[in-house]
Amino acid sequence: MAANTRDIRRRIKSVKNTSQITKAMQMVAAAKMRKAQVAALAGRPYAQLLNRVLKAVSARSEEQTHELLVSREVKHELVLLISTDKGLCGALNTNLLREAGQFDPDKTVFVAVGRKGMQWLSRAKRSVLADFEMKENVHFLESKAVSKFVMEKFTSGEVDKVTVLFTDFVNTLTQVPKARTVLPIESLEVAAGIEGRSGASASVSNSQVQDAQGALEYAFEPGVSEVLGGILPHYVHFQVYQMMLDARASEHSARMVAMKNATDNAKQLIKDLTLEYNKIRQASITTELLEISTAQMALG
């Protein structure tokens, strides 16, 4: 019995130490999650308005001959895989990498953003063109280097299609892996996924909506094609940036939920072990009392 109680006490101490670690990680993830969520949600109204303005500009352009709009037969596809650098975020990376495994390895090349995605690509022996680091706080200039790289691969003809595979942030409890085509820009609906989300269109007025739908006339300087040629690359840059913000918000949200579940499970395990410890200890005391009583009766 003594050995059993000693083992249980050791397990209780170990689980308590683990719960303290998971609780601290939960609090850190919660603080980072709030900042990441604010950053991800703040960019959605701009992305939505940019999408509408581009629709209006493209509607005025008679010939859309920009190189980012050219559709080709897809012989080679580039997948920009946005994952996390660290683990302990539940099934977030597992679900994302499961989607990555659906792409045909014979005609797909990858660009990795995040250490977990790169590790999976190495194990799966997939073709990787580049590996970018995503810092804790995502900045537009850093994401622009990634989007510029994939645009160069597309415009040079090395790849015929560019798809971004990332985890879309819905809310704290829901993060959905999504594959979104950014090149070629076949229709200016890339940002349409943000339509209807709570708070996404709060800063867009009704007059702006009417303007983007072509209710009013526009005067373009120097011209429609020049404006379209200048704004399309920025459009792609910002879409990649917004996806990286969503991926970061999803990571911290998933990690906070995972650490909260781990802390709750640790507390429940401590309760179960304490109950088992008390039962064994009570049984040991009862046995000792019976032995003393029996010896006293024998001595008589």
Protein backbone atom coordinates (compact mmCIF):
# COMPACT_ATOMS: atom_id res chain seq x y z
CA MET A 1 0.00 0.00 0.00
CA ALA A 2 2.76 2.40 0.89
CA ALA A 3 4.30 1.99 -2.52
CA ASN A 4 0.95 2.69 -4.21
CA THR A 5 0.29 5.84 -2.20
CA ARG A 6 3.81 7.03 -2.87
CA ASP A 7 3.33 6.56 -6.63
CA ILE A 8 -0.01 8.35 -6.55
CA ARG A 9 1.45 11.29 -4.65
CA ARG A 10 4.21 11.49 -7.23
CA ARG A 11 1.67 11.46 -10.07
CA ILE A 12 -0.45 14.16 -8.40
CA LYS A 13 2.60 16.40 -8.05
CA SER A 14 3.55 15.82 -11.68
CA VAL A 15 0.05 16.61 -12.95
CA LYS A 16 -0.09 19.77 -10.82
CA ASN A 17 3.17 20.98 -12.35
CA THR A 18 1.82 20.26 -15.82
CA SER A 19 -1.42 22.11 -15.11
CA GLN A 20 0.54 25.17 -13.99
CA ILE A 21 2.42 25.16 -17.30
CA THR A 22 -0.73 24.75 -19.40
CA LYS A 23 -2.49 27.48 -17.39
CA ALA A 24 0.37 29.89 -18.03
CA MET A 25 0.38 29.02 -21.74
CA GLN A 26 -3.38 29.56 -21.84
CA MET A 27 -3.04 33.05 -20.39
CA VAL A 28 -0.22 33.97 -22.79
CA ALA A 29 -2.17 32.63 -25.77
CA ALA A 30 -5.26 34.57 -24.66
CA ALA A 31 -3.31 37.84 -24.58
CA LYS A 32 -1.78 37.20 -28.01
CA MET A 33 -5.13 36.01 -29.36
CA ARG A 34 -6.85 39.31 -28.59
CA LYS A 35 -4.18 41.29 -30.46
CA ALA A 36 -4.19 38.88 -33.41
CA GLN A 37 -7.99 38.92 -33.65
CA VAL A 38 -8.09 42.72 -33.64
CA ALA A 39 -5.48 42.82 -36.41
CA ALA A 40 -7.32 40.20 -38.51
CA LEU A 41 -10.73 41.85 -38.13
CA ALA A 42 -9.40 45.37 -38.68
CA GLY A 43 -8.21 44.57 -42.20
CA ARG A 44 -11.48 43.05 -43.41
CA PRO A 45 -13.37 46.30 -44.11
CA TYR A 46 -10.44 47.56 -46.20
CA ALA A 47 -10.23 44.26 -48.10
CA GLN A 48 -13.97 44.38 -48.70
CA LEU A 49 -13.90 47.95 -50.01
CA LEU A 50 -10.83 47.22 -52.14
CA ASN A 51 -12.67 44.30 -53.67
CA ARG A 52 -15.62 46.52 -54.59
CA VAL A 53 -13.45 49.25 -56.06
CA LEU A 54 -11.63 46.70 -58.20
CA LYS A 55 -14.96 45.42 -59.50
CA ALA A 56 -15.92 48.92 -60.48
CA VAL A 57 -12.58 49.56 -62.20
CA SER A 58 -12.64 46.24 -64.06
CA ALA A 59 -16.20 46.92 -65.21
CA ARG A 60 -14.94 50.09 -66.93
CA SER A 61 -12.01 48.31 -68.57
CA GLU A 62 -12.89 46.98 -72.00
CA GLU A 63 -9.82 44.77 -72.32
CA GLN A 64 -8.40 43.12 -69.24
CA THR A 65 -4.97 42.20 -70.52
CA HIS A 66 -3.02 42.55 -67.31
CA GLU A 67 -0.59 39.68 -66.72
CA LEU A 68 -2.20 38.86 -63.36
CA LEU A 69 -5.54 38.26 -65.10
CA VAL A 70 -4.26 35.83 -67.75
CA SER A 71 -5.71 32.33 -67.38
CA ARG A 72 -3.66 29.40 -68.66
CA GLU A 73 -3.97 25.66 -68.70
CA VAL A 74 -2.87 24.50 -65.28
CA LYS A 75 0.19 22.35 -65.80
CA HIS A 76 2.03 23.52 -62.70
CA GLU A 77 0.38 24.88 -59.57
CA LEU A 78 2.04 26.76 -56.72
CA VAL A 79 0.55 26.32 -53.24
CA LEU A 80 1.41 28.88 -50.58
CA LEU A 81 1.11 26.89 -47.34
CA ILE A 82 0.64 29.11 -44.25
CA SER A 83 1.09 27.08 -41.07
CA THR A 84 2.40 27.74 -37.54
CA ASP A 85 5.90 27.77 -36.11
CA LYS A 86 4.91 26.05 -32.87
CA GLY A 87 2.63 23.22 -31.88
CA LEU A 88 0.26 22.75 -28.93
CA CYS A 89 -2.63 24.26 -30.88
CA GLY A 90 -4.94 21.27 -31.13
CA ALA A 91 -5.83 19.88 -34.54
CA LEU A 92 -5.15 23.16 -36.35
CA ASN A 93 -2.05 22.01 -38.27
CA THR A 94 -3.36 18.48 -38.68
CA ASN A 95 -6.48 19.67 -40.50
CA LEU A 96 -4.46 22.12 -42.59
CA LEU A 97 -1.83 19.58 -43.64
CA ARG A 98 -4.52 17.05 -44.46
CA GLU A 99 -5.79 19.51 -47.06
CA ALA A 100 -2.24 20.03 -48.32
CA GLY A 101 -1.96 16.29 -48.93
CA GLN A 102 -4.85 16.45 -51.41
CA PHE A 103 -2.80 18.34 -54.01
CA ASP A 104 -1.26 16.35 -56.85
CA PRO A 105 2.48 16.03 -56.04
CA ASP A 106 3.36 15.64 -59.73
CA LYS A 107 2.25 19.11 -60.76
CA THR A 108 2.32 21.02 -57.46
CA VAL A 109 5.15 23.02 -55.91
CA PHE A 110 4.96 24.58 -52.46
CA VAL A 111 6.07 27.76 -50.78
CA ALA A 112 6.06 27.32 -47.00
CA VAL A 113 5.33 29.98 -44.41
CA GLY A 114 5.72 28.48 -40.94
CA ARG A 115 7.96 25.78 -39.51
CA LYS A 116 5.28 23.10 -39.10
CA GLY A 117 4.32 23.22 -42.75
CA MET A 118 7.95 23.02 -43.83
CA GLN A 119 8.54 20.00 -41.62
CA TRP A 120 5.57 18.21 -43.15
CA LEU A 121 6.69 19.06 -46.68
CA SER A 122 10.14 17.63 -45.93
CA ARG A 123 8.70 14.41 -44.52
CA ALA A 124 6.27 14.06 -47.43
CA LYS A 125 9.12 14.77 -49.90
CA ARG A 126 7.15 17.49 -51.68
CA SER A 127 8.79 20.01 -54.00
CA VAL A 128 9.47 23.28 -52.11
CA LEU A 129 10.53 26.47 -53.87
CA ALA A 130 11.03 28.66 -50.80
CA ASP A 131 10.56 28.78 -47.06
CA PHE A 132 9.56 32.04 -45.37
CA GLU A 133 9.47 32.85 -41.67
CA MET A 134 6.31 34.37 -40.21
CA LYS A 135 7.10 36.48 -37.15
CA GLU A 136 4.87 36.85 -34.12
CA ASN A 137 3.46 40.18 -35.32
CA VAL A 138 2.77 39.98 -39.04
CA HIS A 139 3.75 43.13 -40.94
CA PHE A 140 2.66 44.08 -44.43
CA LEU A 141 6.22 44.48 -45.73
CA GLU A 142 7.10 40.95 -44.58
CA SER A 143 4.03 39.43 -46.22
CA LYS A 144 4.70 41.50 -49.34
CA ALA A 145 7.98 39.64 -49.84
CA VAL A 146 6.02 36.38 -49.94
CA SER A 147 3.32 37.63 -52.32
CA LYS A 148 5.93 39.25 -54.56
CA PHE A 149 7.78 35.94 -54.83
CA VAL A 150 4.67 33.99 -55.88
CA MET A 151 3.64 36.74 -58.34
CA GLU A 152 7.05 36.56 -59.99
CA LYS A 153 6.69 32.79 -60.39
CA PHE A 154 3.27 33.29 -61.98
CA THR A 155 4.17 36.14 -64.32
CA SER A 156 7.33 34.36 -65.47
CA GLY A 157 5.24 31.36 -66.52
CA GLU A 158 6.88 28.89 -64.13
CA VAL A 159 3.47 28.17 -62.59
CA ASP A 160 0.01 28.58 -64.07
CA LYS A 161 -1.96 28.95 -60.85
CA VAL A 162 -1.28 30.17 -57.31
CA THR A 163 -3.36 28.87 -54.40
CA VAL A 164 -3.06 29.93 -50.78
CA LEU A 165 -3.77 27.23 -48.21
CA PHE A 166 -4.37 28.75 -44.79
CA THR A 167 -6.59 28.52 -41.71
CA ASP A 168 -9.46 30.99 -41.92
CA PHE A 169 -10.39 32.63 -38.62
CA VAL A 170 -14.16 32.45 -38.02
CA ASN A 171 -14.29 32.90 -34.26
CA THR A 172 -12.41 31.81 -31.15
CA LEU A 173 -13.77 28.27 -31.30
CA THR A 174 -13.90 27.80 -35.08
CA GLN A 175 -10.98 27.85 -37.51
CA VAL A 176 -11.46 26.36 -40.96
CA PRO A 177 -8.68 25.34 -43.39
CA LYS A 178 -9.27 26.95 -46.77
CA ALA A 179 -7.64 26.84 -50.19
CA ARG A 180 -8.14 30.13 -52.05
CA THR A 181 -6.93 30.88 -55.57
CA VAL A 182 -5.24 34.29 -55.82
CA LEU A 183 -3.65 34.03 -59.27
CA PRO A 184 -4.86 34.34 -61.89
CA ILE A 185 -7.48 36.81 -60.72
CA GLU A 186 -10.24 35.28 -62.79
CA SER A 187 -12.97 37.22 -61.00
CA LEU A 188 -12.57 39.89 -58.39
CA GLU A 189 -14.27 37.86 -55.70
CA VAL A 190 -11.26 36.86 -53.63
CA ALA A 191 -12.35 39.05 -50.75
CA ALA A 192 -15.98 37.99 -51.03
CA GLY A 193 -15.49 35.54 -48.17
CA ILE A 194 -15.45 38.40 -45.72
CA GLU A 195 -18.88 39.63 -46.81
CA GLY A 196 -21.53 39.22 -44.17
CA ARG A 197 -19.18 38.58 -41.25
CA SER A 198 -19.94 40.48 -38.11
CA GLY A 199 -18.19 43.81 -38.08
CA ALA A 200 -16.64 43.28 -41.51
CA SER A 201 -18.67 45.93 -43.28
CA ALA A 202 -19.23 48.33 -40.42
CA SER A 203 -17.09 51.06 -41.95
CA VAL A 204 -18.47 50.78 -45.50
CA SER A 205 -21.28 53.23 -46.19
CA ASN A 206 -24.23 52.68 -48.47
CA SER A 207 -22.98 55.37 -50.85
CA GLN A 208 -19.67 53.54 -51.19
CA VAL A 209 -21.54 50.34 -52.03
CA GLN A 210 -23.56 52.13 -54.67
CA ASP A 211 -20.41 53.71 -56.11
CA ALA A 212 -18.63 50.34 -56.33
CA GLN A 213 -21.63 48.82 -58.07
CA GLY A 214 -21.41 51.44 -60.81
CA ALA A 215 -24.34 53.65 -59.84
CA LEU A 216 -22.09 56.69 -60.22
CA GLU A 217 -19.58 57.67 -62.88
CA TYR A 218 -15.83 57.64 -62.22
CA ALA A 219 -13.07 59.73 -63.73
CA PHE A 220 -9.80 57.77 -63.86
CA GLU A 221 -6.37 59.35 -64.12
CA PRO A 222 -4.29 58.51 -66.10
CA GLY A 223 -6.67 55.82 -67.37
CA VAL A 224 -8.63 52.69 -66.44
CA SER A 225 -5.96 50.23 -67.61
CA GLU A 226 -3.20 52.13 -65.79
CA VAL A 227 -5.21 52.25 -62.58
CA LEU A 228 -6.00 48.56 -62.89
CA GLY A 229 -2.36 47.74 -63.52
CA GLY A 230 -1.29 49.64 -60.44
CA ILE A 231 -3.92 48.35 -58.06
CA LEU A 232 -3.98 44.64 -58.99
CA PRO A 233 -0.53 43.85 -57.51
CA HIS A 234 -1.51 45.71 -54.33
CA TYR A 235 -4.71 43.69 -54.28
CA VAL A 236 -2.75 40.42 -54.29
CA HIS A 237 -0.31 41.74 -51.68
CA PHE A 238 -3.10 42.68 -49.33
CA GLN A 239 -5.00 39.42 -49.80
CA VAL A 240 -1.92 37.39 -48.83
CA TYR A 241 -1.37 39.72 -45.87
CA GLN A 242 -4.98 39.28 -44.71
CA MET A 243 -4.70 35.49 -44.98
CA MET A 244 -1.54 35.54 -42.86
CA LEU A 245 -3.34 37.63 -40.24
CA ASP A 246 -6.21 35.13 -40.23
CA ALA A 247 -3.76 32.25 -39.86
CA ARG A 248 -2.06 33.94 -36.90
CA ALA A 249 -5.38 34.70 -35.19
CA SER A 250 -6.46 31.09 -35.75
CA GLU A 251 -3.22 29.80 -34.24
CA HIS A 252 -3.52 31.75 -31.00
CA SER A 253 -7.23 30.98 -30.67
CA ALA A 254 -6.69 27.26 -31.19
CA ARG A 255 -3.75 27.25 -28.74
CA MET A 256 -5.77 29.02 -26.05
CA VAL A 257 -8.63 26.55 -26.39
CA ALA A 258 -6.25 23.57 -26.41
CA MET A 259 -4.41 24.78 -23.29
CA LYS A 260 -7.71 25.46 -21.51
CA ASN A 261 -8.86 21.92 -22.26
CA ALA A 262 -5.50 20.56 -21.07
CA THR A 263 -5.75 22.54 -17.82
CA ASP A 264 -9.32 21.34 -17.20
CA ASN A 265 -8.32 17.73 -17.88
CA ALA A 266 -5.37 18.06 -15.51
CA LYS A 267 -7.63 19.37 -12.73
CA GLN A 268 -10.03 16.49 -13.25
CA LEU A 269 -7.16 14.00 -13.21
CA ILE A 270 -5.90 15.49 -9.93
CA LYS A 271 -9.36 15.01 -8.41
CA ASP A 272 -9.50 11.38 -9.55
CA LEU A 273 -5.99 10.64 -8.26
CA THR A 274 -6.73 12.33 -4.93
CA LEU A 275 -9.89 10.24 -4.53
CA GLU A 276 -7.96 7.07 -5.33
CA TYR A 277 -5.21 8.09 -2.89
CA ASN A 278 -7.74 8.65 -0.09
CA LYS A 279 -9.39 5.29 -0.75
CA ILE A 280 -6.08 3.42 -0.60
CA ARG A 281 -5.05 5.33 2.51
CA GLN A 282 -8.39 4.63 4.22
CA ALA A 283 -8.15 0.94 3.34
CA SER A 284 -4.63 0.82 4.75
CA ILE A 285 -5.72 2.46 8.03
CA THR A 286 -8.69 0.10 8.34
CA THR A 287 -6.43 -2.93 7.81
CA GLU A 288 -4.02 -1.73 10.48
CA LEU A 289 -6.86 -1.19 12.96
CA LEU A 290 -8.17 -4.68 12.29
CA GLU A 291 -4.73 -6.17 12.88
CA ILE A 292 -4.36 -4.27 16.19
CA SER A 293 -7.84 -5.35 17.30
CA THR A 294 -7.16 -8.97 16.40
CA ALA A 295 -3.85 -8.97 18.26
CA GLN A 296 -5.47 -7.38 21.34
CA MET A 297 -8.21 -10.05 21.35
CA ALA A 298 -5.63 -12.82 21.00
CA LEU A 299 -3.68 -11.53 23.98
CA GLY A 300 -6.90 -11.42 25.78
